[in-house]
Amino acid sequence: MGSVSSEEDSQQSQRFESYSLSADVSESDDRSSSFSDDFPATWPEFDSISDLPVPITIMLPVVGGGHVLTPPDIPEKPETKELSDVELMKERFAKLLLGEDMSGGGNGVCPALAISNAITNLYATVFGELWKLEPLAPQKRSMWLREMQWLVSISDPIVELIPSLQQFPGGGTFEVMVTRPRADLYVKLPAIKKLDGMLLSMLDGFCDSEFYYVDRGVVVAGGVEEHLCSGRPSISIEEVEEKWWLPFPKVPPNGLSEDTRKRLQHCRECTTQIFKAAAAINSTVLSEMQIPNVYLRSLQKSGKACLGESLYCYLTAERFSPERVLDYLEMKSEFTTLEIANRVEAAAHIWSRKYLKRRLDETKAGSSSWGVTVKGLVCDAKRSKLLAERAETLLRSLKLRFPSLTQTALDMYKIQYNKDVGQSILESYSRVMESLAFKVLERIEDLLHVDDATQQRAAAE
C-alpha cells in the first residue's frame, strides 16, 4: 500500500509540474476562440508595478455584474458675486410683485405700499444701529447702494411726453415727443440721491478720529458722571442713563483739537441743511398725495369737538400767536405732542371742507333773491377759512419746534392708501434721509456736548 501511494503522489506532482498557462489556453480553444486571441501564450516578466507599459485602471464592482470607472474629482466652480446679486434681486422683486405675500395667496398689499415698506426696512437694516460717528461697514454700504438702486429703478418707466426738436440729416428741424421722467421724479429724485451721497461721504470722513466710544454702563460704573458734572452742570447722571443703549463718546483730556472741532461744527451745519431739505421734500410729497376717504370718514363733525375747549379758545381768540399757544400747551411727552398735532390737523381739514362746501352753497344761492342767506353763508365761509389757516399755521409751528415728531395720523393714512408708485418712492426715500440726517446730527451734538464739558473742566483745573 505504501508503494502504491508513493507512486500516485509522484504522478500527480509530475502533472502539476508540467502544467502551464499555454496548455490551459490551448485546451480552451474548443470553447472560445476569441478568448485565446486576447491573451498571449507567454507573458513577459516585470520586476515591479512601475515597469508595466500601461497604467492599471481599478474597476469597482457594482450591482448588476458590470463595472464602472471612478471619475476624477472635478472642483466645483464657486458662485460668482454677479450670480448671487441676480438671485437676490429676483427675490426682492418677487416679494414686491407679490405684495410681501410670499405664499402667493393674493393677500399682499398694493405695490406702492410694498415699495415704501421695502425702503423703510432696508434703512432699518443698514442704519438701524448707527450709534457712532464712524464709516459704514463695507458690507452694509454695498447693500444700501445696491438695493436702493434696484428699488429706485422701479420709477424708470414712470415718464411723461415732452416736445423736443430733432435735426434732419440734410438740414432743418422737426418737433417730436420724447419721454422724460415725470415732473416730480425729474426734480426731486436726483435731489434726494444727492443728499444720500452727502451723508455717506460725511460718515466716511469720521475715520482715524481723536474721539472714541465706550460702553455707557462702564461710564456710570466708573464714576465719570462726577467728572462730567464738574465741567458742565447740564450733564448729569440722568442724561448719561437716558440713552443707555448708546455708547458714550470720549475725547482727549484737554478736549478735541481746534481742527477737529471746526470740522465737527461744519458737519453739524451741513447735516442741519440736509435735514431741512429732506424734510421739505417729504412734506411736499405728502401734501401732493390724495387724502384717502377712510381718513375723511373718521373726522368728527365740528372742529371744536375735535380740538377740545381750551385749544379751541386759543385758536378763536381775537389775537392769535402760534408760539404763545405752544407755550401755553402742556406737551410733556412725545405722545402728548403727537396727539395735539393730530387734533389740530383734523380740525384744519374739517374747517377747510366746511369752507369749500359753504362756497359752493354761496354760488348756488347767488342766483336767488335770498340776500340774507347769502350774507350769512359768506360770513360762515370766511370764518371757516380763517380758522383753517390758523390751524395750519399752528401745525407748522409745532413741527418746527419738534423736528423729531413722528408721522401724524393723516400721514400714515396717506402712506397706507397711496396708489402712486412714484410718490411712494419719493416719500419713503426722503423720509429715511430725514431720519438719517437727524440721527447723524444727534451723534454730533452728543460729541460736542462732551467736548465742551471736557474743555471747561480742563480750564478750571
Protein backbone atom coordinates (compact mmCIF):
# COMPACT_ATOMS: atom_id res chain seq x y z
CA MET A 1 0.00 0.00 0.00
CA GLY A 2 2.75 2.40 0.81
CA SER A 3 4.42 1.88 -2.53
CA VAL A 4 1.19 2.42 -4.42
CA SER A 5 0.50 5.72 -2.67
CA SER A 6 4.03 6.96 -3.29
CA GLU A 7 3.70 6.15 -7.00
CA GLU A 8 0.40 8.07 -7.19
CA ASP A 9 1.94 11.07 -5.45
CA SER A 10 4.86 11.15 -7.86
CA GLN A 11 2.48 11.02 -10.85
CA GLN A 12 0.38 13.91 -9.50
CA SER A 13 3.46 16.01 -8.83
CA GLN A 14 4.67 15.41 -12.39
CA ARG A 15 1.28 16.56 -13.73
CA PHE A 16 1.32 19.77 -11.67
CA GLU A 17 4.89 20.49 -12.69
CA SER A 18 4.03 20.08 -16.36
CA TYR A 19 1.01 22.47 -16.05
CA SER A 20 1.40 25.80 -17.88
CA LEU A 21 -0.84 28.68 -18.87
CA SER A 22 -0.26 28.00 -22.56
CA ALA A 23 -1.53 24.47 -22.16
CA ASP A 24 -4.62 25.73 -20.35
CA VAL A 25 -5.30 28.33 -23.04
CA SER A 26 -4.78 25.84 -25.82
CA GLU A 27 -7.26 23.49 -24.22
CA SER A 28 -9.84 26.26 -24.16
CA ASP A 29 -9.68 26.79 -27.92
CA ASP A 30 -12.54 24.40 -28.37
CA ARG A 31 -14.82 26.54 -26.22
CA SER A 32 -13.88 30.12 -27.19
CA SER A 33 -11.50 31.18 -29.90
CA SER A 34 -11.82 34.91 -29.09
CA PHE A 35 -10.62 34.39 -25.55
CA SER A 36 -7.35 32.85 -26.79
CA ASP A 37 -6.78 35.80 -29.12
CA ASP A 38 -6.88 38.31 -26.25
CA PHE A 39 -4.33 36.57 -24.04
CA PRO A 40 -0.88 35.68 -25.36
CA ALA A 41 0.64 32.29 -24.85
CA THR A 42 3.62 33.57 -22.97
CA TRP A 43 3.70 36.54 -20.54
CA PRO A 44 6.64 38.88 -20.01
CA GLU A 45 8.11 39.15 -16.55
CA PHE A 46 8.15 42.56 -14.72
CA ASP A 47 10.12 43.36 -11.62
CA SER A 48 7.61 45.92 -10.24
CA ILE A 49 4.34 47.62 -10.99
CA SER A 50 6.19 50.67 -12.27
CA ASP A 51 7.58 48.56 -15.16
CA LEU A 52 4.12 47.99 -16.59
CA PRO A 53 3.72 49.60 -20.03
CA VAL A 54 0.11 50.69 -19.41
CA PRO A 55 -1.20 52.04 -16.07
CA ILE A 56 -3.67 49.80 -14.35
CA THR A 57 -7.25 51.08 -14.06
CA ILE A 58 -9.02 49.91 -10.94
CA MET A 59 -12.62 48.91 -11.62
CA LEU A 60 -15.14 48.61 -8.80
CA PRO A 61 -17.91 46.04 -8.97
CA VAL A 62 -21.43 47.38 -8.90
CA VAL A 63 -24.87 45.82 -8.72
CA GLY A 64 -25.76 44.06 -11.92
CA GLY A 65 -22.43 42.40 -12.68
CA GLY A 66 -20.97 45.39 -14.55
CA HIS A 67 -18.04 47.63 -13.76
CA VAL A 68 -17.69 51.39 -13.61
CA LEU A 69 -14.68 53.66 -13.67
CA THR A 70 -14.19 56.06 -10.76
CA PRO A 71 -14.36 59.60 -12.24
CA PRO A 72 -11.70 62.07 -11.19
CA ASP A 73 -12.66 64.74 -8.64
CA ILE A 74 -13.79 67.85 -10.53
CA PRO A 75 -13.63 71.00 -8.38
CA GLU A 76 -16.94 72.83 -8.23
CA LYS A 77 -16.97 76.35 -9.59
CA PRO A 78 -17.68 78.85 -6.82
CA GLU A 79 -20.74 81.03 -7.29
CA THR A 80 -19.80 84.40 -8.64
CA LYS A 81 -20.85 87.63 -6.96
CA GLU A 82 -22.89 88.61 -10.01
CA LEU A 83 -24.89 85.42 -9.83
CA SER A 84 -25.66 85.90 -6.14
CA ASP A 85 -26.70 89.51 -6.80
CA VAL A 86 -29.03 88.37 -9.56
CA GLU A 87 -30.65 85.79 -7.30
CA LEU A 88 -31.04 88.37 -4.54
CA MET A 89 -32.58 90.84 -6.99
CA LYS A 90 -35.04 88.18 -8.16
CA GLU A 91 -36.07 87.55 -4.57
CA ARG A 92 -36.56 91.26 -3.83
CA PHE A 93 -38.65 91.92 -6.93
CA ALA A 94 -40.67 88.75 -6.43
CA LYS A 95 -41.56 89.97 -2.97
CA LEU A 96 -42.62 93.34 -4.38
CA LEU A 97 -44.71 91.77 -7.13
CA LEU A 98 -46.49 89.53 -4.61
CA GLY A 99 -47.13 92.46 -2.27
CA GLU A 100 -44.98 90.95 0.52
CA ASP A 101 -47.15 87.82 0.49
CA MET A 102 -44.64 85.14 -0.49
CA SER A 103 -47.27 82.41 -0.08
CA GLY A 104 -48.92 83.56 -3.29
CA GLY A 105 -52.34 83.60 -1.67
CA GLY A 106 -53.21 87.03 -3.01
CA ASN A 107 -53.31 88.68 0.42
CA GLY A 108 -50.47 91.11 -0.24
CA VAL A 109 -50.51 94.89 -0.10
CA CYS A 110 -50.53 97.22 -3.09
CA PRO A 111 -47.21 97.76 -4.95
CA ALA A 112 -46.82 101.35 -3.69
CA LEU A 113 -47.03 100.30 -0.05
CA ALA A 114 -44.77 97.29 -0.68
CA ILE A 115 -42.05 99.55 -2.13
CA SER A 116 -42.41 102.00 0.77
CA ASN A 117 -42.03 99.17 3.27
CA ALA A 118 -39.04 97.77 1.38
CA ILE A 119 -37.16 101.10 1.52
CA THR A 120 -38.03 101.55 5.20
CA ASN A 121 -36.89 98.03 6.10
CA LEU A 122 -33.65 98.44 4.15
CA TYR A 123 -32.91 101.67 6.03
CA ALA A 124 -33.58 99.95 9.36
CA THR A 125 -31.25 97.10 8.41
CA VAL A 126 -28.35 99.32 7.33
CA PHE A 127 -28.66 102.38 9.60
CA GLY A 128 -30.71 101.00 12.48
CA GLU A 129 -27.65 100.75 14.72
CA LEU A 130 -25.86 103.97 13.74
CA TRP A 131 -24.66 104.61 17.26
CA LYS A 132 -21.22 106.06 16.47
CA LEU A 133 -19.70 108.61 14.15
CA GLU A 134 -17.75 106.18 12.00
CA PRO A 135 -17.77 104.96 8.38
CA LEU A 136 -20.31 102.36 7.40
CA ALA A 137 -19.15 98.77 7.21
CA PRO A 138 -18.28 97.84 3.58
CA GLN A 139 -20.92 95.10 3.55
CA LYS A 140 -23.69 97.45 4.72
CA ARG A 141 -22.58 100.21 2.38
CA SER A 142 -22.65 97.93 -0.66
CA MET A 143 -26.03 96.55 0.43
CA TRP A 144 -27.52 100.04 0.69
CA LEU A 145 -26.18 101.25 -2.65
CA ARG A 146 -27.09 98.05 -4.50
CA GLU A 147 -30.61 97.54 -3.19
CA MET A 148 -31.56 101.22 -3.28
CA GLN A 149 -30.55 101.26 -6.93
CA TRP A 150 -32.89 98.32 -7.54
CA LEU A 151 -35.81 99.92 -5.71
CA VAL A 152 -35.38 103.35 -7.29
CA SER A 153 -35.14 101.80 -10.77
CA ILE A 154 -38.84 100.90 -10.48
CA SER A 155 -39.61 104.55 -11.22
CA ASP A 156 -37.81 104.47 -14.60
CA PRO A 157 -40.96 103.61 -16.61
CA ILE A 158 -42.90 106.48 -14.97
CA VAL A 159 -42.39 109.04 -17.73
CA GLU A 160 -44.19 111.85 -19.48
CA LEU A 161 -44.03 113.10 -23.08
CA ILE A 162 -42.43 116.47 -23.78
CA PRO A 163 -41.74 118.18 -27.13
CA SER A 164 -38.20 118.11 -28.44
CA LEU A 165 -36.51 119.49 -31.57
CA GLN A 166 -34.66 117.00 -33.77
CA GLN A 167 -32.26 117.80 -36.60
CA PHE A 168 -32.76 116.42 -40.11
CA PRO A 169 -29.64 114.83 -41.63
CA GLY A 170 -29.89 117.16 -44.62
CA GLY A 171 -30.65 120.26 -42.58
CA GLY A 172 -33.74 121.66 -40.92
CA THR A 173 -35.54 120.74 -37.70
CA PHE A 174 -38.74 119.00 -36.71
CA GLU A 175 -40.54 118.61 -33.41
CA VAL A 176 -41.16 115.20 -31.86
CA MET A 177 -42.39 113.99 -28.48
CA VAL A 178 -39.77 112.30 -26.32
CA THR A 179 -40.05 110.65 -22.92
CA ARG A 180 -38.72 112.15 -19.71
CA PRO A 181 -39.21 111.18 -16.04
CA ARG A 182 -42.38 112.59 -14.55
CA ALA A 183 -42.05 116.17 -13.31
CA ASP A 184 -41.91 115.35 -9.58
CA LEU A 185 -39.48 112.47 -10.12
CA TYR A 186 -37.37 114.54 -12.51
CA VAL A 187 -36.88 117.27 -9.90
CA LYS A 188 -36.99 115.56 -6.50
CA LEU A 189 -35.35 112.16 -7.05
CA PRO A 190 -31.90 113.49 -8.11
CA ALA A 191 -32.00 115.88 -5.13
CA ILE A 192 -32.66 113.03 -2.69
CA LYS A 193 -29.85 110.97 -4.25
CA LYS A 194 -27.53 113.94 -3.77
CA LEU A 195 -28.47 114.17 -0.09
CA ASP A 196 -27.86 110.43 0.25
CA GLY A 197 -24.36 110.73 -1.21
CA MET A 198 -23.53 113.70 1.03
CA LEU A 199 -24.49 111.82 4.20
CA LEU A 200 -22.49 108.74 3.21
CA SER A 201 -19.44 110.90 2.39
CA MET A 202 -19.78 112.65 5.74
CA LEU A 203 -19.79 109.33 7.58
CA ASP A 204 -16.74 108.18 5.61
CA GLY A 205 -14.86 111.21 6.90
CA PHE A 206 -15.08 110.03 10.53
CA CYS A 207 -12.08 107.69 10.33
CA ASP A 208 -8.91 107.90 12.42
CA SER A 209 -10.61 110.40 14.70
CA GLU A 210 -9.39 111.78 18.01
CA PHE A 211 -12.53 110.66 19.82
CA TYR A 212 -13.69 107.15 20.61
CA TYR A 213 -16.61 105.45 22.34
CA VAL A 214 -17.01 103.34 25.47
CA ASP A 215 -19.94 101.42 26.83
CA ARG A 216 -22.36 103.65 28.74
CA GLY A 217 -22.55 101.18 31.62
CA VAL A 218 -18.78 101.48 32.10
CA VAL A 219 -19.16 105.27 32.24
CA VAL A 220 -21.71 105.10 35.04
CA ALA A 221 -19.86 102.42 36.98
CA GLY A 222 -16.55 104.28 36.75
CA GLY A 223 -17.90 107.48 38.24
CA VAL A 224 -17.33 109.52 35.11
CA GLU A 225 -20.56 111.36 35.78
CA GLU A 226 -18.80 113.32 38.53
CA HIS A 227 -16.08 114.26 36.08
CA LEU A 228 -18.70 115.50 33.62
CA CYS A 229 -20.82 117.33 36.17
CA SER A 230 -17.79 119.21 37.45
CA GLY A 231 -17.17 120.52 33.92
CA ARG A 232 -20.74 121.33 32.95
CA PRO A 233 -23.69 121.10 35.33
CA SER A 234 -26.11 120.39 32.48
CA ILE A 235 -24.56 116.93 32.02
CA SER A 236 -25.81 114.69 34.76
CA ILE A 237 -26.14 111.02 35.56
CA GLU A 238 -29.75 111.17 34.35
CA GLU A 239 -28.59 112.26 30.89
CA VAL A 240 -25.98 109.51 30.84
CA GLU A 241 -28.62 106.90 31.64
CA GLU A 242 -31.24 108.44 29.33
CA LYS A 243 -29.74 106.82 26.21
CA TRP A 244 -28.50 103.68 27.91
CA TRP A 245 -28.27 101.73 24.65
CA LEU A 246 -25.84 104.21 23.02
CA PRO A 247 -22.06 104.12 23.56
CA PHE A 248 -20.65 107.15 25.32
CA PRO A 249 -18.26 109.46 23.37
CA LYS A 250 -14.81 110.04 24.88
CA VAL A 251 -12.39 112.82 23.96
CA PRO A 252 -8.76 113.54 24.97
CA PRO A 253 -8.18 115.03 28.47
CA ASN A 254 -7.85 118.55 27.07
CA GLY A 255 -10.67 118.18 24.57
CA LEU A 256 -10.63 117.92 20.81
CA SER A 257 -8.16 119.83 18.70
CA GLU A 258 -9.22 123.05 17.02
CA ASP A 259 -9.24 121.49 13.53
CA THR A 260 -11.36 118.56 14.62
CA ARG A 261 -13.82 120.82 16.42
CA LYS A 262 -14.16 123.09 13.38
CA ARG A 263 -14.74 120.08 11.15
CA LEU A 264 -17.44 118.79 13.51
CA GLN A 265 -19.16 122.17 13.57
CA HIS A 266 -19.07 122.31 9.78
CA CYS A 267 -20.55 118.80 9.62
CA ARG A 268 -23.28 119.89 12.03
CA GLU A 269 -24.22 122.82 9.81
CA CYS A 270 -24.23 120.69 6.68
CA THR A 271 -26.29 117.97 8.34
CA THR A 272 -28.81 120.55 9.52
CA GLN A 273 -29.26 121.78 5.95
CA ILE A 274 -29.58 118.21 4.67
CA PHE A 275 -32.22 117.50 7.32
CA LYS A 276 -34.22 120.59 6.36
CA ALA A 277 -34.02 119.77 2.66
CA ALA A 278 -35.14 116.16 3.17
CA ALA A 279 -37.96 117.28 5.48
CA ALA A 280 -39.13 119.86 2.92
CA ILE A 281 -39.19 117.27 0.12
CA ASN A 282 -41.06 114.80 2.30
CA SER A 283 -43.60 117.42 3.35
CA THR A 284 -44.17 118.45 -0.27
CA VAL A 285 -44.70 114.88 -1.42
CA LEU A 286 -47.13 114.18 1.41
CA SER A 287 -49.11 117.33 0.63
CA GLU A 288 -49.41 116.23 -3.00
CA MET A 289 -50.82 112.84 -2.04
CA GLN A 290 -54.56 112.42 -2.17
CA ILE A 291 -56.36 112.35 1.18
CA PRO A 292 -57.97 108.90 1.50
CA ASN A 293 -61.68 108.67 2.09
CA VAL A 294 -61.05 106.48 5.12
CA TYR A 295 -59.48 109.43 6.92
CA LEU A 296 -62.24 111.85 5.91
CA ARG A 297 -64.91 109.49 7.21
CA SER A 298 -63.11 109.24 10.56
CA LEU A 299 -63.27 113.02 11.19
CA GLN A 300 -65.73 114.47 13.67
CA LYS A 301 -68.47 116.86 12.62
CA SER A 302 -67.06 120.05 14.17
CA GLY A 303 -63.60 121.44 14.79
CA LYS A 304 -64.46 122.38 18.35
CA ALA A 305 -65.30 118.78 19.26
CA CYS A 306 -62.05 117.68 17.69
CA LEU A 307 -59.81 120.24 19.41
CA GLY A 308 -61.30 120.46 22.86
CA GLU A 309 -62.45 123.51 24.78
CA SER A 310 -59.06 125.04 25.72
CA LEU A 311 -57.34 124.58 22.38
CA TYR A 312 -60.42 125.87 20.55
CA CYS A 313 -60.38 129.03 22.66
CA TYR A 314 -56.72 129.63 21.77
CA LEU A 315 -57.43 129.33 18.05
CA THR A 316 -60.57 131.50 18.07
CA ALA A 317 -59.05 134.29 20.19
CA GLU A 318 -59.00 137.80 18.75
CA ARG A 319 -55.21 137.91 18.83
CA PHE A 320 -53.68 134.67 17.67
CA SER A 321 -49.99 133.78 18.05
CA PRO A 322 -48.92 130.19 17.36
CA GLU A 323 -45.79 130.49 19.52
CA ARG A 324 -47.81 131.63 22.53
CA VAL A 325 -50.30 128.84 22.02
CA LEU A 326 -47.48 126.30 22.03
CA ASP A 327 -46.09 127.87 25.20
CA TYR A 328 -49.47 127.53 26.95
CA LEU A 329 -49.97 123.91 25.92
CA GLU A 330 -48.57 121.17 28.12
CA MET A 331 -46.52 118.87 25.93
CA LYS A 332 -44.52 116.81 28.36
CA SER A 333 -44.10 113.73 26.18
CA GLU A 334 -43.90 112.83 22.53
CA PHE A 335 -47.24 111.04 22.75
CA THR A 336 -48.97 114.21 24.01
CA THR A 337 -47.34 116.33 21.29
CA LEU A 338 -48.37 113.90 18.57
CA GLU A 339 -51.93 113.80 19.91
CA ILE A 340 -52.17 117.61 19.75
CA ALA A 341 -50.76 117.60 16.21
CA ASN A 342 -53.37 115.03 15.13
CA ARG A 343 -56.22 117.07 16.60
CA VAL A 344 -55.04 120.34 15.04
CA GLU A 345 -54.56 118.71 11.64
CA ALA A 346 -58.02 117.10 11.78
CA ALA A 347 -59.63 120.44 12.73
CA ALA A 348 -57.88 122.16 9.83
CA HIS A 349 -59.36 119.66 7.36
CA ILE A 350 -62.81 119.94 8.93
CA TRP A 351 -62.82 123.74 8.54
CA SER A 352 -61.37 123.51 5.02
CA ARG A 353 -64.15 121.17 3.93
CA LYS A 354 -66.76 123.44 5.53
CA TYR A 355 -65.29 126.43 3.70
CA LEU A 356 -65.45 124.66 0.33
CA LYS A 357 -68.99 123.46 0.99
CA ARG A 358 -70.23 126.91 2.00
CA ARG A 359 -68.56 128.46 -1.01
CA LEU A 360 -70.48 126.00 -3.16
CA ASP A 361 -73.71 126.82 -1.35
CA GLU A 362 -72.97 130.51 -1.76
CA THR A 363 -72.58 130.04 -5.50
CA LYS A 364 -75.87 128.18 -5.72
CA ALA A 365 -77.72 130.76 -3.61
CA GLY A 366 -76.23 133.70 -5.52
CA SER A 367 -78.75 133.35 -8.36
CA SER A 368 -81.71 133.54 -5.95
CA SER A 369 -83.17 136.60 -4.22
CA TRP A 370 -82.29 135.41 -0.71
CA GLY A 371 -79.83 138.16 0.18
CA VAL A 372 -79.81 137.47 3.92
CA THR A 373 -78.97 133.80 3.34
CA VAL A 374 -76.11 134.67 1.01
CA LYS A 375 -74.71 137.15 3.54
CA GLY A 376 -74.77 134.50 6.27
CA LEU A 377 -73.04 131.97 4.04
CA VAL A 378 -70.29 134.45 3.20
CA CYS A 379 -69.64 135.14 6.88
CA ASP A 380 -69.53 131.44 7.74
CA ALA A 381 -67.19 130.72 4.82
CA LYS A 382 -64.77 133.46 5.87
CA ARG A 383 -64.74 132.27 9.46
CA SER A 384 -64.08 128.65 8.40
CA LYS A 385 -61.27 129.77 6.12
CA LEU A 386 -59.70 131.87 8.90
CA LEU A 387 -59.81 129.02 11.42
CA ALA A 388 -58.39 126.56 8.89
CA GLU A 389 -55.45 128.90 8.18
CA ARG A 390 -54.79 129.35 11.91
CA ALA A 391 -54.83 125.59 12.48
CA GLU A 392 -52.39 125.02 9.61
CA THR A 393 -50.09 127.74 10.93
CA LEU A 394 -50.14 126.20 14.41
CA LEU A 395 -49.38 122.78 12.96
CA ARG A 396 -46.36 124.10 11.03
CA SER A 397 -45.03 125.83 14.15
CA LEU A 398 -45.49 122.65 16.13
CA LYS A 399 -43.49 120.61 13.61
CA LEU A 400 -40.73 123.22 13.55
CA ARG A 401 -40.43 123.22 17.34
CA PHE A 402 -40.41 119.41 17.47
CA PRO A 403 -38.49 118.29 14.35
CA SER A 404 -38.24 114.70 15.55
CA LEU A 405 -42.03 114.36 15.75
CA THR A 406 -43.23 111.13 14.21
CA GLN A 407 -45.78 110.91 11.43
CA THR A 408 -49.27 112.14 12.10
CA ALA A 409 -52.39 110.07 11.57
CA LEU A 410 -53.06 111.71 8.19
CA ASP A 411 -49.51 110.98 7.02
CA MET A 412 -49.88 107.31 7.90
CA TYR A 413 -53.24 107.13 6.16
CA LYS A 414 -51.72 108.66 3.03
CA ILE A 415 -48.80 106.24 3.01
CA GLN A 416 -51.02 103.23 3.62
CA TYR A 417 -53.64 104.01 0.98
CA ASN A 418 -51.40 105.63 -1.63
CA LYS A 419 -51.54 104.00 -5.07
CA ASP A 420 -48.88 106.07 -6.87
CA VAL A 421 -45.57 104.18 -7.03
CA GLY A 422 -43.56 107.30 -7.90
CA GLN A 423 -44.88 109.24 -4.93
CA SER A 424 -44.26 106.24 -2.70
CA ILE A 425 -40.58 106.11 -3.70
CA LEU A 426 -40.13 109.85 -3.18
CA GLU A 427 -41.88 109.84 0.19
CA SER A 428 -40.09 106.84 1.67
CA TYR A 429 -36.65 107.81 0.29
CA SER A 430 -36.90 111.38 1.61
CA ARG A 431 -38.27 110.14 4.93
CA VAL A 432 -35.34 107.79 5.58
CA MET A 433 -32.88 110.53 4.54
CA GLU A 434 -34.54 112.88 7.01
CA SER A 435 -34.25 110.26 9.73
CA LEU A 436 -30.60 109.53 8.89
CA ALA A 437 -29.68 113.21 8.92
CA PHE A 438 -31.37 113.70 12.28
CA LYS A 439 -29.54 110.66 13.69
CA VAL A 440 -26.13 111.92 12.50
CA LEU A 441 -26.95 115.36 13.89
CA GLU A 442 -27.71 113.83 17.29
CA ARG A 443 -24.37 111.98 17.34
CA ILE A 444 -22.50 115.18 16.50
CA GLU A 445 -24.36 117.14 19.20
CA ASP A 446 -23.55 114.50 21.83
CA LEU A 447 -19.87 114.59 20.91
CA LEU A 448 -19.66 118.39 21.01
CA HIS A 449 -21.55 118.38 24.31
CA VAL A 450 -18.95 116.11 25.90
CA ASP A 451 -16.11 118.11 24.37
CA ASP A 452 -17.47 121.35 25.87
CA ALA A 453 -17.63 119.78 29.32
CA THR A 454 -14.11 118.38 28.99
CA GLN A 455 -12.59 121.70 27.92
CA GLN A 456 -14.33 123.59 30.71
CA ARG A 457 -13.08 121.11 33.27
CA ALA A 458 -9.52 121.36 31.89
CA ALA A 459 -9.68 125.18 32.01
CA ALA A 460 -10.94 125.10 35.62
CA GLU A 461 -8.05 122.93 36.73
